[in-house]
Amino acid sequence: MKALVSVKRVVDYNVRIQVKPDGSGVVTDGVKFSVNPFDEIAMEEAVRLKEKGKVTEIVAVTIGGAKSEETLRTALAFGADRAVHVKEEGEVQPLTAAQALAAVFKKEGASLFLLGKQAIDDDANQTGQMVAALLDLPQATFASKIELEAAKATVTREVDAGLETLEVDLPAVVTTDLRLNEPRYLKLPDIMKAKKKPIEAVTLGDLGVTAAAGLKASKTVAPPKRSKGVVVKTTDELIAALKGKGLL
């Protein structure tokens, strides 16, 4: 069974985001980038499934410019066997990404597509669902547990009311949530081995996809600073304070 895993290059989650003075976006020059944390979880789960003998080959895929190769090398160090780099220097919005990833999935003939439930840069939470729709495949989102058996996947997913268990036929698309696993610490030997693993480079044109920006950001604004809290001594004071702010 072949598993395809999407990994995205994003600003590292430890970085304090700064908005550009002209409001045209966030500052990225000189900022540390890393693999989207949810995608790291997806890659870790693929490796664990391979260690259990459920998956025979793991292919990592990313969409982005030349620097995104670092993201793929990280995925290869985790345990991916090879990688596909869809080269695109411009902005890639969820629908374009989904079209490209769906094309790679078809090309690879994979049985399982694992993606992080969302990327921490745009927080769109759309790509996995769009890929499933484009491929007309079963999907299970927000997975906190995945079990593979024969041609089926049993996925426990997190919903507002608690947990829901789905059984889907393979091939299928599964998006991963935080509680699925804890990604392993990469060792130097694995990082060195990753440098020798193959990366196939393709373009959106090679996949028959045309980049289209369906949305345009007009302005980026930093959130307002939080005002100081108010200490109240009684319930009556609390109610009065909330009423004063129009919250009751």
C-alpha atoms as a PDB file:
ATOM      1  CA  MET A   1       0.000   0.000   0.000  1.00  0.00           C
ATOM      2  CA  LYS A   2       1.329   3.406  -0.994  1.00  0.00           C
ATOM      3  CA  ALA A   3       0.683   6.474   1.162  1.00  0.00           C
ATOM      4  CA  LEU A   4       0.969  10.038  -0.099  1.00  0.00           C
ATOM      5  CA  VAL A   5       1.655  12.694   2.534  1.00  0.00           C
ATOM      6  CA  SER A   6       1.402  16.437   1.942  1.00  0.00           C
ATOM      7  CA  VAL A   7       3.847  18.730   3.753  1.00  0.00           C
ATOM      8  CA  LYS A   8       3.789  22.518   3.617  1.00  0.00           C
ATOM      9  CA  ARG A   9       6.497  25.068   4.373  1.00  0.00           C
ATOM     10  CA  VAL A  10       5.204  27.651   6.855  1.00  0.00           C
ATOM     11  CA  VAL A  11       6.565  30.231   9.278  1.00  0.00           C
ATOM     12  CA  ASP A  12       7.677  28.309  12.362  1.00  0.00           C
ATOM     13  CA  TYR A  13       5.027  28.174  15.082  1.00  0.00           C
ATOM     14  CA  ASN A  14       7.473  29.642  17.631  1.00  0.00           C
ATOM     15  CA  VAL A  15       7.934  32.828  15.597  1.00  0.00           C
ATOM     16  CA  ARG A  16       6.052  35.929  16.723  1.00  0.00           C
ATOM     17  CA  ILE A  17       4.274  37.118  13.589  1.00  0.00           C
ATOM     18  CA  GLN A  18       4.801  40.767  12.607  1.00  0.00           C
ATOM     19  CA  VAL A  19       2.605  42.638  10.133  1.00  0.00           C
ATOM     20  CA  LYS A  20       4.353  44.680   7.433  1.00  0.00           C
ATOM     21  CA  PRO A  21       4.094  48.466   7.935  1.00  0.00           C
ATOM     22  CA  ASP A  22       2.110  48.861   4.693  1.00  0.00           C
ATOM     23  CA  GLY A  23      -0.384  46.152   5.675  1.00  0.00           C
ATOM     24  CA  SER A  24       0.414  44.066   2.583  1.00  0.00           C
ATOM     25  CA  GLY A  25       1.066  40.901   4.587  1.00  0.00           C
ATOM     26  CA  VAL A  26       3.320  39.527   7.308  1.00  0.00           C
ATOM     27  CA  VAL A  27       7.096  39.804   7.571  1.00  0.00           C
ATOM     28  CA  THR A  28       8.847  36.714   6.187  1.00  0.00           C
ATOM     29  CA  ASP A  29      12.372  38.023   5.495  1.00  0.00           C
ATOM     30  CA  GLY A  30      14.852  36.550   7.944  1.00  0.00           C
ATOM     31  CA  VAL A  31      12.122  34.486   9.617  1.00  0.00           C
ATOM     32  CA  LYS A  32      12.500  30.799  10.458  1.00  0.00           C
ATOM     33  CA  PHE A  33      10.352  28.398   8.423  1.00  0.00           C
ATOM     34  CA  SER A  34       9.526  24.771   9.175  1.00  0.00           C
ATOM     35  CA  VAL A  35       7.108  21.985   8.286  1.00  0.00           C
ATOM     36  CA  ASN A  36       3.500  22.746   9.143  1.00  0.00           C
ATOM     37  CA  PRO A  37       2.972  21.011  12.547  1.00  0.00           C
ATOM     38  CA  PHE A  38      -0.205  19.214  11.443  1.00  0.00           C
ATOM     39  CA  ASP A  39       1.660  17.878   8.396  1.00  0.00           C
ATOM     40  CA  GLU A  40       4.447  16.611  10.662  1.00  0.00           C
ATOM     41  CA  ILE A  41       1.787  14.598  12.479  1.00  0.00           C
ATOM     42  CA  ALA A  42       0.544  13.209   9.150  1.00  0.00           C
ATOM     43  CA  MET A  43       4.087  12.170   8.195  1.00  0.00           C
ATOM     44  CA  GLU A  44       4.718  10.590  11.593  1.00  0.00           C
ATOM     45  CA  GLU A  45       1.512   8.564  11.282  1.00  0.00           C
ATOM     46  CA  ALA A  46       2.488   7.339   7.809  1.00  0.00           C
ATOM     47  CA  VAL A  47       5.859   6.190   9.159  1.00  0.00           C
ATOM     48  CA  ARG A  48       4.186   4.394  12.074  1.00  0.00           C
ATOM     49  CA  LEU A  49       1.816   2.636   9.687  1.00  0.00           C
ATOM     50  CA  LYS A  50       4.811   1.556   7.618  1.00  0.00           C
ATOM     51  CA  GLU A  51       6.574   0.266  10.736  1.00  0.00           C
ATOM     52  CA  LYS A  52       3.449  -1.819  11.457  1.00  0.00           C
ATOM     53  CA  GLY A  53       3.596  -3.277   7.961  1.00  0.00           C
ATOM     54  CA  LYS A  54       0.381  -1.576   6.839  1.00  0.00           C
ATOM     55  CA  VAL A  55       2.097   0.762   4.355  1.00  0.00           C
ATOM     56  CA  THR A  56       4.852  -0.278   1.962  1.00  0.00           C
ATOM     57  CA  GLU A  57       5.896   3.090   0.482  1.00  0.00           C
ATOM     58  CA  ILE A  58       5.599   6.702   1.621  1.00  0.00           C
ATOM     59  CA  VAL A  59       5.739   9.560  -0.877  1.00  0.00           C
ATOM     60  CA  ALA A  60       5.975  13.132   0.415  1.00  0.00           C
ATOM     61  CA  VAL A  61       4.665  16.006  -1.697  1.00  0.00           C
ATOM     62  CA  THR A  62       4.882  19.770  -1.351  1.00  0.00           C
ATOM     63  CA  ILE A  63       3.968  22.810  -3.429  1.00  0.00           C
ATOM     64  CA  GLY A  64       6.186  25.863  -3.357  1.00  0.00           C
ATOM     65  CA  GLY A  65       9.384  27.537  -4.435  1.00  0.00           C
ATOM     66  CA  ALA A  66      12.977  26.340  -4.299  1.00  0.00           C
ATOM     67  CA  LYS A  67      13.186  26.696  -0.512  1.00  0.00           C
ATOM     68  CA  SER A  68      10.398  24.132  -0.119  1.00  0.00           C
ATOM     69  CA  GLU A  69      12.967  21.439  -0.897  1.00  0.00           C
ATOM     70  CA  GLU A  70      14.105  21.820   2.733  1.00  0.00           C
ATOM     71  CA  THR A  71      10.591  20.819   3.791  1.00  0.00           C
ATOM     72  CA  LEU A  72      10.781  17.690   1.664  1.00  0.00           C
ATOM     73  CA  ARG A  73      14.206  16.790   3.061  1.00  0.00           C
ATOM     74  CA  THR A  74      12.683  16.960   6.538  1.00  0.00           C
ATOM     75  CA  ALA A  75       9.876  14.647   5.421  1.00  0.00           C
ATOM     76  CA  LEU A  76      12.445  12.249   3.947  1.00  0.00           C
ATOM     77  CA  ALA A  77      14.354  12.319   7.237  1.00  0.00           C
ATOM     78  CA  PHE A  78      11.136  11.354   9.036  1.00  0.00           C
ATOM     79  CA  GLY A  79      10.964   8.233   6.880  1.00  0.00           C
ATOM     80  CA  ALA A  80       9.410   9.054   3.516  1.00  0.00           C
ATOM     81  CA  ASP A  81      10.912   6.935   0.739  1.00  0.00           C
ATOM     82  CA  ARG A  82      10.870   9.632  -1.941  1.00  0.00           C
ATOM     83  CA  ALA A  83       9.313  13.007  -2.641  1.00  0.00           C
ATOM     84  CA  VAL A  84       7.530  15.063  -5.286  1.00  0.00           C
ATOM     85  CA  HIS A  85       8.163  18.810  -5.463  1.00  0.00           C
ATOM     86  CA  VAL A  86       5.479  20.771  -7.305  1.00  0.00           C
ATOM     87  CA  LYS A  87       7.433  23.931  -8.082  1.00  0.00           C
ATOM     88  CA  GLU A  88       5.469  27.181  -7.872  1.00  0.00           C
ATOM     89  CA  GLU A  89       7.001  30.434  -6.678  1.00  0.00           C
ATOM     90  CA  GLY A  90       3.764  32.413  -6.466  1.00  0.00           C
ATOM     91  CA  GLU A  91       0.916  32.239  -3.971  1.00  0.00           C
ATOM     92  CA  VAL A  92      -0.920  28.921  -3.959  1.00  0.00           C
ATOM     93  CA  GLN A  93      -4.453  29.072  -2.597  1.00  0.00           C
ATOM     94  CA  PRO A  94      -6.338  25.987  -1.300  1.00  0.00           C
ATOM     95  CA  LEU A  95      -8.218  25.125  -4.507  1.00  0.00           C
ATOM     96  CA  THR A  96      -5.081  25.276  -6.664  1.00  0.00           C
ATOM     97  CA  ALA A  97      -3.201  23.231  -4.065  1.00  0.00           C
ATOM     98  CA  ALA A  98      -6.005  20.676  -3.952  1.00  0.00           C
ATOM     99  CA  GLN A  99      -6.028  20.342  -7.742  1.00  0.00           C
ATOM    100  CA  ALA A 100      -2.276  19.804  -7.816  1.00  0.00           C
ATOM    101  CA  LEU A 101      -2.315  17.309  -4.935  1.00  0.00           C
ATOM    102  CA  ALA A 102      -5.209  15.403  -6.497  1.00  0.00           C
ATOM    103  CA  ALA A 103      -3.223  15.157  -9.741  1.00  0.00           C
ATOM    104  CA  VAL A 104      -0.163  13.810  -7.881  1.00  0.00           C
ATOM    105  CA  PHE A 105      -2.351  11.298  -6.025  1.00  0.00           C
ATOM    106  CA  LYS A 106      -3.743  10.002  -9.323  1.00  0.00           C
ATOM    107  CA  LYS A 107      -0.282   9.861 -10.858  1.00  0.00           C
ATOM    108  CA  GLU A 108       1.132   7.902  -7.925  1.00  0.00           C
ATOM    109  CA  GLY A 109      -1.821   5.521  -7.661  1.00  0.00           C
ATOM    110  CA  ALA A 110      -1.692   5.767  -3.870  1.00  0.00           C
ATOM    111  CA  SER A 111      -4.240   4.158  -1.537  1.00  0.00           C
ATOM    112  CA  LEU A 112      -4.058   6.626   1.348  1.00  0.00           C
ATOM    113  CA  PHE A 113      -3.620  10.398   1.330  1.00  0.00           C
ATOM    114  CA  LEU A 114      -2.637  11.928   4.672  1.00  0.00           C
ATOM    115  CA  LEU A 115      -2.682  15.701   5.206  1.00  0.00           C
ATOM    116  CA  GLY A 116      -2.614  17.965   8.212  1.00  0.00           C
ATOM    117  CA  LYS A 117      -6.109  19.233   8.966  1.00  0.00           C
ATOM    118  CA  GLN A 118      -4.940  22.803   8.294  1.00  0.00           C
ATOM    119  CA  ALA A 119      -1.841  24.903   7.744  1.00  0.00           C
ATOM    120  CA  ILE A 120      -0.959  27.370  10.487  1.00  0.00           C
ATOM    121  CA  ASP A 121      -0.280  30.213   8.036  1.00  0.00           C
ATOM    122  CA  ASP A 122      -3.753  30.651   6.512  1.00  0.00           C
ATOM    123  CA  ASP A 123      -5.746  28.308   8.817  1.00  0.00           C
ATOM    124  CA  ALA A 124      -8.057  27.588   5.874  1.00  0.00           C
ATOM    125  CA  ASN A 125      -8.819  23.936   6.733  1.00  0.00           C
ATOM    126  CA  GLN A 126      -9.989  23.359   3.150  1.00  0.00           C
ATOM    127  CA  THR A 127      -7.357  21.530   1.125  1.00  0.00           C
ATOM    128  CA  GLY A 128      -7.972  17.990   2.396  1.00  0.00           C
ATOM    129  CA  GLN A 129     -11.717  18.237   1.864  1.00  0.00           C
ATOM    130  CA  MET A 130     -11.236  19.723  -1.612  1.00  0.00           C
ATOM    131  CA  VAL A 131      -8.837  16.923  -2.587  1.00  0.00           C
ATOM    132  CA  ALA A 132     -11.392  14.308  -1.535  1.00  0.00           C
ATOM    133  CA  ALA A 133     -14.115  16.068  -3.540  1.00  0.00           C
ATOM    134  CA  LEU A 134     -11.943  16.377  -6.653  1.00  0.00           C
ATOM    135  CA  LEU A 135     -10.966  12.702  -6.490  1.00  0.00           C
ATOM    136  CA  ASP A 136     -14.486  11.615  -5.448  1.00  0.00           C
ATOM    137  CA  LEU A 137     -12.989   9.637  -2.555  1.00  0.00           C
ATOM    138  CA  PRO A 138     -14.147   8.956   1.016  1.00  0.00           C
ATOM    139  CA  GLN A 139     -12.714  11.357   3.588  1.00  0.00           C
ATOM    140  CA  ALA A 140     -12.196  11.365   7.341  1.00  0.00           C
ATOM    141  CA  THR A 141     -11.137  14.673   8.856  1.00  0.00           C
ATOM    142  CA  PHE A 142      -9.609  15.640  12.230  1.00  0.00           C
ATOM    143  CA  ALA A 143      -8.288  12.111  12.853  1.00  0.00           C
ATOM    144  CA  SER A 144      -7.088  11.257  16.368  1.00  0.00           C
ATOM    145  CA  LYS A 145      -6.637   7.531  15.598  1.00  0.00           C
ATOM    146  CA  ILE A 146      -6.128   5.609  12.351  1.00  0.00           C
ATOM    147  CA  GLU A 147      -6.250   1.849  11.849  1.00  0.00           C
ATOM    148  CA  LEU A 148      -5.761   0.132   8.497  1.00  0.00           C
ATOM    149  CA  GLU A 149      -7.063  -3.327   7.729  1.00  0.00           C
ATOM    150  CA  ALA A 150      -7.175  -4.821   4.222  1.00  0.00           C
ATOM    151  CA  ALA A 151      -8.959  -2.278   1.993  1.00  0.00           C
ATOM    152  CA  LYS A 152     -10.532  -0.253   4.805  1.00  0.00           C
ATOM    153  CA  ALA A 153      -9.480   2.454   7.249  1.00  0.00           C
ATOM    154  CA  THR A 154     -11.082   2.944  10.645  1.00  0.00           C
ATOM    155  CA  VAL A 155     -10.665   6.535  11.758  1.00  0.00           C
ATOM    156  CA  THR A 156     -11.559   8.065  15.107  1.00  0.00           C
ATOM    157  CA  ARG A 157     -12.164  11.764  14.605  1.00  0.00           C
ATOM    158  CA  GLU A 158     -12.699  14.678  16.937  1.00  0.00           C
ATOM    159  CA  VAL A 159     -16.056  16.440  16.696  1.00  0.00           C
ATOM    160  CA  ASP A 160     -17.766  19.078  18.834  1.00  0.00           C
ATOM    161  CA  ALA A 161     -19.707  16.474  20.823  1.00  0.00           C
ATOM    162  CA  GLY A 162     -16.717  14.197  21.446  1.00  0.00           C
ATOM    163  CA  LEU A 163     -15.361  11.396  19.272  1.00  0.00           C
ATOM    164  CA  GLU A 164     -16.789   9.801  16.137  1.00  0.00           C
ATOM    165  CA  THR A 165     -15.541   6.591  14.507  1.00  0.00           C
ATOM    166  CA  LEU A 166     -15.778   6.168  10.741  1.00  0.00           C
ATOM    167  CA  GLU A 167     -14.945   3.204   8.524  1.00  0.00           C
ATOM    168  CA  VAL A 168     -14.005   4.223   4.984  1.00  0.00           C
ATOM    169  CA  ASP A 169     -13.018   2.224   1.934  1.00  0.00           C
ATOM    170  CA  LEU A 170      -9.569   2.785   0.491  1.00  0.00           C
ATOM    171  CA  PRO A 171      -8.382   4.771  -1.369  1.00  0.00           C
ATOM    172  CA  ALA A 172      -9.321   7.604   0.977  1.00  0.00           C
ATOM    173  CA  VAL A 173      -8.251  11.034   2.204  1.00  0.00           C
ATOM    174  CA  VAL A 174      -7.549  11.508   5.931  1.00  0.00           C
ATOM    175  CA  THR A 175      -6.647  14.787   7.653  1.00  0.00           C
ATOM    176  CA  THR A 176      -4.796  14.633  10.965  1.00  0.00           C
ATOM    177  CA  ASP A 177      -5.416  16.381  14.276  1.00  0.00           C
ATOM    178  CA  LEU A 178      -3.070  17.178  17.172  1.00  0.00           C
ATOM    179  CA  ARG A 179      -3.896  14.178  19.355  1.00  0.00           C
ATOM    180  CA  LEU A 180      -3.116  11.574  16.686  1.00  0.00           C
ATOM    181  CA  ASN A 181       0.554  11.270  17.705  1.00  0.00           C
ATOM    182  CA  GLU A 182       3.689  13.127  18.744  1.00  0.00           C
ATOM    183  CA  PRO A 183       6.235  13.425  15.915  1.00  0.00           C
ATOM    184  CA  ARG A 184       9.622  11.866  16.599  1.00  0.00           C
ATOM    185  CA  TYR A 185      12.838  13.768  17.124  1.00  0.00           C
ATOM    186  CA  LEU A 186      14.945  13.598  13.963  1.00  0.00           C
ATOM    187  CA  LYS A 187      18.389  12.068  14.378  1.00  0.00           C
ATOM    188  CA  LEU A 188      21.480  13.173  12.486  1.00  0.00           C
ATOM    189  CA  PRO A 189      21.894   9.823  10.616  1.00  0.00           C
ATOM    190  CA  ASP A 190      18.314  10.114   9.318  1.00  0.00           C
ATOM    191  CA  ILE A 191      18.922  13.693   8.193  1.00  0.00           C
ATOM    192  CA  MET A 192      22.078  12.606   6.332  1.00  0.00           C
ATOM    193  CA  LYS A 193      20.295   9.659   4.672  1.00  0.00           C
ATOM    194  CA  ALA A 194      17.531  12.008   3.521  1.00  0.00           C
ATOM    195  CA  LYS A 195      20.027  13.908   1.361  1.00  0.00           C
ATOM    196  CA  LYS A 196      20.413  10.833  -0.868  1.00  0.00           C
ATOM    197  CA  LYS A 197      16.712  10.119  -1.327  1.00  0.00           C
ATOM    198  CA  PRO A 198      15.145  11.150  -4.667  1.00  0.00           C
ATOM    199  CA  ILE A 199      12.990  14.236  -5.183  1.00  0.00           C
ATOM    200  CA  GLU A 200      11.001  14.484  -8.402  1.00  0.00           C
ATOM    201  CA  ALA A 201      10.376  18.033  -9.620  1.00  0.00           C
ATOM    202  CA  VAL A 202       7.200  18.884 -11.543  1.00  0.00           C
ATOM    203  CA  THR A 203       5.262  22.055 -12.306  1.00  0.00           C
ATOM    204  CA  LEU A 204       1.595  22.902 -12.104  1.00  0.00           C
ATOM    205  CA  GLY A 205       1.589  22.845 -15.910  1.00  0.00           C
ATOM    206  CA  ASP A 206       2.964  19.286 -15.922  1.00  0.00           C
ATOM    207  CA  LEU A 207      -0.007  18.290 -13.753  1.00  0.00           C
ATOM    208  CA  GLY A 208      -2.516  20.099 -15.947  1.00  0.00           C
ATOM    209  CA  VAL A 209      -3.273  22.692 -13.264  1.00  0.00           C
ATOM    210  CA  THR A 210      -3.525  26.449 -13.777  1.00  0.00           C
ATOM    211  CA  ALA A 211      -2.777  28.630 -10.763  1.00  0.00           C
ATOM    212  CA  ALA A 212      -5.775  30.784  -9.956  1.00  0.00           C
ATOM    213  CA  ALA A 213      -6.128  33.233  -7.087  1.00  0.00           C
ATOM    214  CA  GLY A 214      -9.777  33.085  -6.100  1.00  0.00           C
ATOM    215  CA  LEU A 215      -9.254  35.345  -3.105  1.00  0.00           C
ATOM    216  CA  LYS A 216      -7.290  38.555  -2.699  1.00  0.00           C
ATOM    217  CA  ALA A 217      -6.219  39.976   0.658  1.00  0.00           C
ATOM    218  CA  SER A 218      -6.907  43.698   0.665  1.00  0.00           C
ATOM    219  CA  LYS A 219      -5.120  44.449   3.929  1.00  0.00           C
ATOM    220  CA  THR A 220      -3.439  42.698   6.846  1.00  0.00           C
ATOM    221  CA  VAL A 221      -3.928  44.183  10.306  1.00  0.00           C
ATOM    222  CA  ALA A 222      -2.454  43.089  13.626  1.00  0.00           C
ATOM    223  CA  PRO A 223      -5.035  42.241  16.308  1.00  0.00           C
ATOM    224  CA  PRO A 224      -5.710  45.025  18.835  1.00  0.00           C
ATOM    225  CA  LYS A 225      -3.813  44.904  22.099  1.00  0.00           C
ATOM    226  CA  ARG A 226      -5.732  43.369  24.945  1.00  0.00           C
ATOM    227  CA  SER A 227      -6.913  45.825  27.571  1.00  0.00           C
ATOM    228  CA  LYS A 228      -6.061  45.281  31.214  1.00  0.00           C
ATOM    229  CA  GLY A 229      -8.372  43.087  33.261  1.00  0.00           C
ATOM    230  CA  VAL A 230     -10.609  44.388  36.039  1.00  0.00           C
ATOM    231  CA  VAL A 231     -10.610  42.836  39.502  1.00  0.00           C
ATOM    232  CA  VAL A 232     -14.079  42.435  41.024  1.00  0.00           C
ATOM    233  CA  LYS A 233     -14.829  41.382  44.585  1.00  0.00           C
ATOM    234  CA  THR A 234     -18.441  40.228  44.335  1.00  0.00           C
ATOM    235  CA  THR A 235     -20.807  38.630  41.843  1.00  0.00           C
ATOM    236  CA  ASP A 236     -22.825  41.847  41.734  1.00  0.00           C
ATOM    237  CA  GLU A 237     -19.738  43.797  40.685  1.00  0.00           C
ATOM    238  CA  LEU A 238     -19.018  41.207  37.981  1.00  0.00           C
ATOM    239  CA  ILE A 239     -22.549  41.439  36.601  1.00  0.00           C
ATOM    240  CA  ALA A 240     -22.427  45.238  36.652  1.00  0.00           C
ATOM    241  CA  ALA A 241     -19.061  45.241  34.817  1.00  0.00           C
ATOM    242  CA  LEU A 242     -20.361  42.861  32.139  1.00  0.00           C
ATOM    243  CA  LYS A 243     -23.503  44.935  31.675  1.00  0.00           C
ATOM    244  CA  GLY A 244     -21.365  48.049  31.356  1.00  0.00           C
ATOM    245  CA  LYS A 245     -19.513  46.437  28.439  1.00  0.00           C
ATOM    246  CA  GLY A 246     -22.756  45.249  26.840  1.00  0.00           C
ATOM    247  CA  LEU A 247     -21.914  41.580  27.452  1.00  0.00           C
ATOM    248  CA  LEU A 248     -25.120  40.877  29.401  1.00  0.00           C
END
